[in-house]
Every structure is written in structure tokens, then in C-alpha cells.
């Protein structure tokens, strides 16, 4: 088919389904487990090198080094060139439109309850 880029990986947002199945605490445990799988064991953070060495597990083995570096930069809130566990979790939520929508709705409910009490 013309116009379709067959080299780009398909992204399916599975976090909302995981959140529904596992609950909040279960989802957070799974995100923490994912972080531990991807992190540099000596540094305790996700680096471009650790992401590259684990890219095949994520189906990202075809990504170039600059693309992997861009992924790390996307979530690197403190500018240290790596992802802490908190930065990784924040990034996963930001990349999940479904979870972001649920988070906004939950926040609105909590705010409304607070204003009514």
C-alpha cells in the first residue's frame, strides 16, 4: 500500500487495560518492574546504553541510537541524561492518552469532592 511506513513500530496503548485489570497498585508495581528490566544495574537509572541493550525485549531493536536517545530525553525531567524510576513512570503516563484522560477525570472528581466538603 502506498503511503504506509512499514518500518515504524505500531504503538498500542496497553496501559489503560493493564490499569483496569491490575488496579492502581498493580499497575505501579508493573511499571516499577519494567523500569528495573530497562535500567543500568550499576547506575540504577535507564540510560541510552541500557535502553539499547534491552531494546529487543520491547520490539525496538531497529531503532537508531539517536532515536533511543530522543526517547530518554523525552522523559528526562532533571536533565541528567538518564531516567530515574519516577521519570520513567511519569513518561509512561504521558505517553498513554487513555491513562492521561483517566487521570484528568480522577483529578476533577477529587477537586469537586474537595470543593463540596
Protein backbone atom coordinates (compact mmCIF):
# COMPACT_ATOMS: atom_id res chain seq x y z
CA UNK A 1 0.00 0.00 0.00
CA UNK A 2 1.34 3.40 -0.92
CA UNK A 3 1.88 5.95 1.79
CA UNK A 4 2.24 3.49 4.67
CA UNK A 5 5.53 3.46 6.55
CA UNK A 6 6.09 -0.22 7.30
CA UNK A 7 9.28 0.39 9.31
CA UNK A 8 7.62 2.42 12.07
CA UNK A 9 6.64 0.25 15.04
CA UNK A 10 2.94 0.10 15.79
CA UNK A 11 2.12 1.52 19.21
CA UNK A 12 -0.82 0.11 21.07
CA UNK A 13 -1.59 1.83 24.35
CA UNK A 14 -1.97 -1.12 26.71
CA UNK A 15 -1.61 0.82 29.96
CA UNK A 16 -5.34 1.58 30.39
CA UNK A 17 -6.19 -2.12 30.03
CA UNK A 18 -3.41 -3.01 32.46
CA UNK A 19 -4.67 -0.39 34.91
CA UNK A 20 -8.18 -1.79 34.72
CA UNK A 21 -7.01 -5.37 35.17
CA UNK A 22 -4.31 -4.79 37.82
CA UNK A 23 -5.69 -1.78 39.68
CA UNK A 24 -3.62 1.26 40.65
CA UNK A 25 -1.18 -0.56 42.92
CA UNK A 26 -0.71 -3.44 40.49
CA UNK A 27 -0.05 -1.08 37.60
CA UNK A 28 2.54 0.82 39.63
CA UNK A 29 4.25 -2.48 40.53
CA UNK A 30 4.36 -3.44 36.84
CA UNK A 31 5.80 -0.05 35.88
CA UNK A 32 8.45 -0.45 38.59
CA UNK A 33 9.25 -3.94 37.27
CA UNK A 34 9.55 -2.53 33.75
CA UNK A 35 11.90 0.14 34.99
CA UNK A 36 14.10 -2.47 36.69
CA UNK A 37 14.30 -4.51 33.49
CA UNK A 38 15.44 -1.49 31.45
CA UNK A 39 17.74 0.19 33.96
CA UNK A 40 21.51 0.12 34.09
CA UNK A 41 22.05 -2.20 37.06
CA UNK A 42 25.16 -0.32 38.24
CA UNK A 43 23.72 3.21 37.94
CA UNK A 44 20.11 2.48 38.95
CA UNK A 45 18.70 4.58 36.07
CA UNK A 46 17.71 3.99 32.46
CA UNK A 47 20.45 5.21 30.16
CA UNK A 48 20.61 5.21 26.38
CA UNK A 49 23.02 2.27 26.62
CA UNK A 50 20.75 0.25 28.91
CA UNK A 51 17.75 1.02 26.72
CA UNK A 52 19.73 -0.05 23.65
CA UNK A 53 20.80 -3.32 25.27
CA UNK A 54 17.18 -4.11 26.15
CA UNK A 55 15.54 -2.68 23.02
CA UNK A 56 14.86 -6.14 21.54
CA UNK A 57 12.65 -7.03 24.54
CA UNK A 58 10.48 -4.05 23.65
CA UNK A 59 10.45 -4.76 19.92
CA UNK A 60 12.58 -1.65 19.35
CA UNK A 61 15.74 -3.33 18.07
CA UNK A 62 15.51 -1.46 14.77
CA UNK A 63 15.69 2.00 16.37
CA UNK A 64 18.84 4.03 15.81
CA UNK A 65 20.93 5.35 18.70
CA UNK A 66 19.66 8.89 18.13
CA UNK A 67 16.06 7.65 18.34
CA UNK A 68 16.79 5.86 21.62
CA UNK A 69 18.50 9.00 22.94
CA UNK A 70 15.42 11.00 21.97
CA UNK A 71 13.24 8.60 23.97
CA UNK A 72 15.40 9.14 27.06
CA UNK A 73 15.42 12.93 26.54
CA UNK A 74 11.61 12.90 26.28
CA UNK A 75 11.29 11.76 29.89
CA UNK A 76 14.45 13.27 31.39
CA UNK A 77 12.94 15.93 33.63
CA UNK A 78 16.10 16.85 35.55
CA UNK A 79 18.42 16.94 32.52
CA UNK A 80 20.92 14.35 33.78
CA UNK A 81 20.75 12.29 30.58
CA UNK A 82 19.01 9.32 32.22
CA UNK A 83 15.60 8.29 33.52
CA UNK A 84 15.00 7.76 37.20
CA UNK A 85 12.17 5.46 38.23
CA UNK A 86 9.89 8.45 38.80
CA UNK A 87 10.76 9.99 35.43
CA UNK A 88 10.10 6.64 33.73
CA UNK A 89 6.67 6.32 35.36
CA UNK A 90 5.74 9.91 34.50
CA UNK A 91 6.80 9.30 30.90
CA UNK A 92 4.71 6.13 30.66
CA UNK A 93 1.65 8.04 31.86
CA UNK A 94 2.35 10.93 29.48
CA UNK A 95 2.66 8.52 26.55
CA UNK A 96 -0.66 6.87 27.40
CA UNK A 97 -3.54 9.07 26.24
CA UNK A 98 -6.03 6.70 27.89
CA UNK A 99 -4.36 6.95 31.29
CA UNK A 100 -3.94 10.70 30.97
CA UNK A 101 -7.67 11.03 30.29
CA UNK A 102 -8.49 8.85 33.31
CA UNK A 103 -6.05 10.84 35.46
CA UNK A 104 -7.74 14.11 34.47
CA UNK A 105 -11.18 12.70 35.26
CA UNK A 106 -9.99 11.39 38.62
CA UNK A 107 -8.41 14.75 39.42
CA UNK A 108 -11.62 16.57 38.51
CA UNK A 109 -13.65 14.22 40.74
CA UNK A 110 -11.27 14.74 43.65
CA UNK A 111 -11.31 18.51 43.16
CA UNK A 112 -15.11 18.55 43.01
CA UNK A 113 -15.34 16.48 46.22
CA UNK A 114 -12.90 18.81 47.93
CA UNK A 115 -14.87 21.89 46.89
CA UNK A 116 -18.14 20.35 48.05
CA UNK A 117 -16.84 19.48 51.52
